């Protein structure tokens, strides 16, 4: 149970850092947004299932708690 929480926090932390990086890059004209978009497209294949698994796991935990 504890490992799941750590993995969830790491996944969300990396996602938040990526989003903040993109937001910072919007306001700094010298940083090319094309490189960030290439990064986002490459990482999307990894993050989409991770985010989905966090959501599904949360739904399963809520269902288990409500049935008890």
Protein backbone atom coordinates (compact mmCIF):
# COMPACT_ATOMS: atom_id res chain seq x y z
CA UNK A 1 0.00 0.00 0.00
CA UNK A 2 2.82 2.40 0.87
CA UNK A 3 4.63 1.74 -2.43
CA UNK A 4 1.51 2.71 -4.37
CA UNK A 5 1.38 6.07 -2.63
CA UNK A 6 5.05 6.75 -3.37
CA UNK A 7 4.65 5.79 -7.03
CA UNK A 8 1.56 7.99 -7.28
CA UNK A 9 3.38 10.97 -5.76
CA UNK A 10 6.39 10.51 -8.04
CA UNK A 11 4.20 10.26 -11.14
CA UNK A 12 2.18 13.33 -10.22
CA UNK A 13 5.33 15.22 -9.25
CA UNK A 14 6.97 14.58 -12.62
CA UNK A 15 3.76 15.60 -14.38
CA UNK A 16 3.55 18.83 -12.39
CA UNK A 17 7.19 19.64 -13.15
CA UNK A 18 6.54 19.08 -16.87
CA UNK A 19 3.50 21.36 -16.84
CA UNK A 20 5.32 24.08 -14.90
CA UNK A 21 8.25 23.83 -17.31
CA UNK A 22 5.88 24.34 -20.23
CA UNK A 23 4.24 27.32 -18.55
CA UNK A 24 7.64 28.93 -17.89
CA UNK A 25 8.68 28.31 -21.48
CA UNK A 26 5.60 30.20 -22.69
CA UNK A 27 6.87 33.40 -21.12
CA UNK A 28 10.54 33.12 -22.08
CA UNK A 29 10.83 33.83 -25.80
CA UNK A 30 14.41 32.57 -26.06
CA UNK A 31 13.32 29.00 -25.17
CA UNK A 32 11.95 27.11 -28.19
CA UNK A 33 8.47 25.76 -27.58
CA UNK A 34 8.92 23.24 -30.40
CA UNK A 35 11.40 21.25 -28.32
CA UNK A 36 8.98 21.17 -25.39
CA UNK A 37 6.15 19.99 -27.65
CA UNK A 38 8.39 17.22 -28.98
CA UNK A 39 9.09 16.21 -25.38
CA UNK A 40 5.39 16.24 -24.47
CA UNK A 41 4.48 14.13 -27.49
CA UNK A 42 7.20 11.62 -26.63
CA UNK A 43 6.26 11.38 -22.96
CA UNK A 44 2.50 11.23 -23.61
CA UNK A 45 2.74 7.52 -24.38
CA UNK A 46 4.22 6.96 -20.93
CA UNK A 47 2.11 9.38 -18.91
CA UNK A 48 -1.30 8.55 -20.34
CA UNK A 49 -1.36 5.01 -18.92
CA UNK A 50 0.22 6.17 -15.64
CA UNK A 51 -2.40 8.85 -15.10
CA UNK A 52 -5.15 6.44 -16.11
CA UNK A 53 -3.88 3.84 -13.65
CA UNK A 54 -3.85 6.41 -10.82
CA UNK A 55 -7.45 7.32 -11.62
CA UNK A 56 -8.56 3.71 -11.93
CA UNK A 57 -6.80 2.76 -8.70
CA UNK A 58 -8.49 5.66 -6.91
CA UNK A 59 -11.89 4.57 -8.22
CA UNK A 60 -11.28 0.97 -7.09
CA UNK A 61 -10.24 2.12 -3.60
CA UNK A 62 -13.38 4.30 -3.30
CA UNK A 63 -15.56 1.41 -4.47
CA UNK A 64 -13.97 -0.94 -1.92
CA UNK A 65 -14.45 1.60 0.89
CA UNK A 66 -18.10 2.20 0.02
CA UNK A 67 -18.87 -1.52 -0.13
CA UNK A 68 -17.40 -2.17 3.34
